[in-house]
């Protein structure tokens, strides 16, 4: 839960104006207590709600969000796949490929195919907006907020969706740059 809340706060700090958080879970009873606490904490950045909807309604609503902070469940991955939303991804759940990371690169056929192609394409020189998802580690939350602000500025929803490619989308066997210890996206070997 700490990772999710820290990632949501980093995204909120990068967005302009108050925002609306929707927290989705299939938890019940006492298992909802940490989620209720997180919803209360996130309310300081706008409004926050805990969804208690039906699965397909929740999936539709999550896929319609502007930003997704996934739990790395198949449900949240499907929502990202079905959406045009930007997202942050837990850095600890990435396979390292030098200065880049991938979700699916542990499989040789993917590592040697689409992941290798994505890395090659990224080395051609790309802007931060080229990546749909970006790794999140709480140690670089300010840098993530800056990335969110940079890719959000002056981009309409359609322009935003057209600024990345499959190679820059972790869900679609693409890659994302890893963060340097100083909080800089590493988009080139070095």
Protein backbone atom coordinates (compact mmCIF):
# COMPACT_ATOMS: atom_id res chain seq x y z
CA UNK A 1 0.00 0.00 0.00
CA UNK A 2 2.88 2.39 0.74
CA UNK A 3 4.13 2.16 -2.86
CA UNK A 4 0.67 2.85 -4.29
CA UNK A 5 0.09 5.87 -2.07
CA UNK A 6 3.57 7.29 -2.74
CA UNK A 7 3.08 6.84 -6.50
CA UNK A 8 -0.35 8.50 -6.39
CA UNK A 9 1.07 11.46 -4.46
CA UNK A 10 3.94 11.82 -6.96
CA UNK A 11 1.45 11.89 -9.85
CA UNK A 12 -0.76 14.37 -7.98
CA UNK A 13 2.17 16.72 -7.40
CA UNK A 14 2.92 16.69 -11.13
CA UNK A 15 -0.65 17.50 -12.17
CA UNK A 16 -2.01 21.03 -12.16
CA UNK A 17 -5.08 21.73 -10.08
CA UNK A 18 -7.10 19.42 -7.86
CA UNK A 19 -7.49 15.87 -9.09
CA UNK A 20 -9.88 12.99 -8.52
CA UNK A 21 -8.55 9.69 -7.26
CA UNK A 22 -10.47 6.48 -7.77
CA UNK A 23 -9.20 3.55 -5.72
CA UNK A 24 -10.29 0.14 -6.96
CA UNK A 25 -10.15 -3.04 -4.90
CA UNK A 26 -11.90 -6.34 -4.43
CA UNK A 27 -11.06 -6.27 -0.70
CA UNK A 28 -13.77 -6.41 1.94
CA UNK A 29 -14.21 -6.05 5.68
CA UNK A 30 -11.12 -5.14 7.68
CA UNK A 31 -8.96 -5.49 4.55
CA UNK A 32 -10.49 -2.20 3.40
CA UNK A 33 -9.09 -0.24 6.39
CA UNK A 34 -5.67 0.51 4.80
CA UNK A 35 -7.44 1.57 1.59
CA UNK A 36 -9.76 3.89 3.51
CA UNK A 37 -6.72 5.45 5.17
CA UNK A 38 -5.06 5.95 1.77
CA UNK A 39 -8.24 7.52 0.36
CA UNK A 40 -8.26 9.95 3.28
CA UNK A 41 -4.61 10.84 2.68
CA UNK A 42 -5.13 11.37 -1.06
CA UNK A 43 -8.10 13.66 -0.42
CA UNK A 44 -5.64 16.46 0.37
CA UNK A 45 -4.89 16.65 -3.40
CA UNK A 46 -8.51 16.82 -4.54
CA UNK A 47 -11.18 14.18 -4.13
CA UNK A 48 -10.65 10.50 -3.49
CA UNK A 49 -13.15 7.68 -3.61
CA UNK A 50 -13.04 3.98 -2.90
CA UNK A 51 -14.90 2.08 -5.59
CA UNK A 52 -17.19 -0.68 -4.55
CA UNK A 53 -18.58 -1.27 -7.99
CA UNK A 54 -18.97 -4.34 -10.11
CA UNK A 55 -15.90 -5.73 -11.84
CA UNK A 56 -16.73 -4.67 -15.40
CA UNK A 57 -17.87 -1.23 -14.24
CA UNK A 58 -14.61 -0.81 -12.32
CA UNK A 59 -12.58 -1.96 -15.33
CA UNK A 60 -14.36 0.51 -17.61
CA UNK A 61 -13.88 3.35 -15.15
CA UNK A 62 -10.21 2.52 -14.51
CA UNK A 63 -9.51 2.30 -18.24
CA UNK A 64 -11.04 5.77 -18.60
CA UNK A 65 -8.64 7.42 -16.14
CA UNK A 66 -5.92 9.87 -17.22
CA UNK A 67 -3.26 8.23 -15.03
CA UNK A 68 -3.14 4.69 -13.66
CA UNK A 69 -1.16 3.53 -10.65
CA UNK A 70 -1.42 -0.26 -11.06
CA UNK A 71 -1.22 -2.93 -8.42
CA UNK A 72 0.55 -5.19 -10.96
CA UNK A 73 -2.54 -7.39 -11.01
CA UNK A 74 -3.91 -8.77 -14.25
CA UNK A 75 -6.93 -6.49 -13.67
CA UNK A 76 -4.89 -3.29 -13.60
CA UNK A 77 -2.72 -4.48 -16.50
CA UNK A 78 -5.86 -5.11 -18.56
CA UNK A 79 -7.13 -1.62 -17.71
CA UNK A 80 -3.83 -0.12 -18.92
CA UNK A 81 -4.01 -2.20 -22.09
CA UNK A 82 -7.57 -1.02 -22.80
CA UNK A 83 -6.84 2.63 -22.06
CA UNK A 84 -4.84 5.53 -23.42
CA UNK A 85 -3.75 6.48 -19.90
CA UNK A 86 -0.20 7.16 -18.83
CA UNK A 87 0.93 5.08 -15.87
CA UNK A 88 3.68 4.56 -13.34
CA UNK A 89 5.02 1.06 -12.78
CA UNK A 90 6.81 -0.36 -9.72
CA UNK A 91 10.50 -0.30 -10.58
CA UNK A 92 11.04 -3.46 -8.51
CA UNK A 93 8.82 -5.33 -10.99
CA UNK A 94 10.98 -4.57 -14.01
CA UNK A 95 13.60 -6.73 -15.68
CA UNK A 96 16.80 -4.70 -16.11
CA UNK A 97 18.28 -4.18 -19.57
CA UNK A 98 21.09 -1.71 -18.92
CA UNK A 99 19.51 1.72 -18.52
CA UNK A 100 16.07 0.39 -19.45
CA UNK A 101 13.56 -1.92 -17.84
CA UNK A 102 10.77 -4.11 -19.18
CA UNK A 103 7.93 -6.17 -17.77
CA UNK A 104 8.20 -9.14 -20.12
CA UNK A 105 11.96 -9.23 -20.82
CA UNK A 106 12.55 -12.31 -18.66
CA UNK A 107 11.27 -14.42 -21.58
CA UNK A 108 14.05 -14.96 -24.13
CA UNK A 109 11.76 -14.63 -27.15
CA UNK A 110 10.52 -11.25 -25.88
CA UNK A 111 13.93 -10.06 -24.68
CA UNK A 112 15.53 -10.83 -28.05
CA UNK A 113 12.53 -9.58 -30.06
CA UNK A 114 10.33 -6.63 -29.10
CA UNK A 115 12.39 -5.57 -26.06
CA UNK A 116 15.64 -5.49 -28.07
CA UNK A 117 13.86 -3.56 -30.83
CA UNK A 118 12.44 -1.09 -28.29
CA UNK A 119 15.85 -0.48 -26.74
CA UNK A 120 17.36 0.09 -30.16
CA UNK A 121 14.59 2.54 -31.04
CA UNK A 122 14.97 4.39 -27.72
CA UNK A 123 18.71 4.77 -28.28
CA UNK A 124 17.87 6.81 -31.38
CA UNK A 125 17.07 9.69 -29.04
CA UNK A 126 13.62 10.19 -27.60
CA UNK A 127 11.90 12.67 -25.29
CA UNK A 128 10.38 11.63 -21.95
CA UNK A 129 6.92 11.88 -23.57
CA UNK A 130 7.90 8.93 -25.82
CA UNK A 131 7.37 6.59 -22.85
CA UNK A 132 3.79 5.80 -21.87
CA UNK A 133 4.78 4.31 -18.54
CA UNK A 134 7.62 5.22 -16.24
CA UNK A 135 9.12 3.24 -13.37
CA UNK A 136 8.35 4.47 -9.88
CA UNK A 137 10.55 4.13 -6.86
CA UNK A 138 9.65 6.23 -3.81
CA UNK A 139 13.26 7.49 -3.67
CA UNK A 140 12.69 9.41 -6.93
CA UNK A 141 9.14 10.64 -6.30
CA UNK A 142 10.05 14.28 -7.03
CA UNK A 143 11.56 13.26 -10.37
CA UNK A 144 8.41 11.30 -11.23
CA UNK A 145 6.31 14.37 -10.38
CA UNK A 146 8.49 16.39 -12.76
CA UNK A 147 8.04 13.74 -15.51
CA UNK A 148 4.26 13.82 -14.99
CA UNK A 149 4.28 17.61 -15.26
CA UNK A 150 6.45 17.55 -18.38
CA UNK A 151 4.36 15.03 -20.30
CA UNK A 152 1.08 16.62 -19.17
CA UNK A 153 1.94 20.18 -20.17
CA UNK A 154 0.24 21.38 -23.32
CA UNK A 155 -0.76 17.91 -24.49
CA UNK A 156 -4.35 17.22 -25.38
CA UNK A 157 -5.58 13.71 -24.69
CA UNK A 158 -5.25 12.75 -28.36
CA UNK A 159 -1.81 14.33 -28.73
CA UNK A 160 -0.69 12.56 -25.56
CA UNK A 161 -1.86 9.18 -26.85
CA UNK A 162 -0.02 9.78 -30.12
CA UNK A 163 3.26 10.84 -28.50
CA UNK A 164 4.31 7.37 -27.39
CA UNK A 165 4.92 4.23 -29.39
CA UNK A 166 4.49 0.55 -28.55
CA UNK A 167 8.25 0.45 -27.97
CA UNK A 168 7.77 2.95 -25.13
CA UNK A 169 4.87 1.06 -23.55
CA UNK A 170 5.79 -1.52 -20.91
CA UNK A 171 2.47 -3.36 -21.22
CA UNK A 172 3.05 -3.93 -24.96
CA UNK A 173 6.53 -5.50 -24.53
CA UNK A 174 8.20 -2.09 -24.69
CA UNK A 175 10.70 -0.50 -22.34
CA UNK A 176 10.97 2.39 -19.95
CA UNK A 177 14.09 4.20 -18.78
CA UNK A 178 15.34 3.45 -15.30
CA UNK A 179 16.14 6.21 -12.83
CA UNK A 180 19.70 7.14 -11.95
CA UNK A 181 20.53 7.49 -8.24
CA UNK A 182 20.33 11.27 -8.74
CA UNK A 183 16.75 11.08 -10.10
CA UNK A 184 17.41 11.41 -13.83
CA UNK A 185 15.77 9.19 -16.44
CA UNK A 186 18.52 7.16 -18.08
CA UNK A 187 17.56 7.03 -21.73
CA UNK A 188 21.02 6.26 -23.11
CA UNK A 189 23.70 3.73 -22.22
CA UNK A 190 26.57 5.31 -20.45
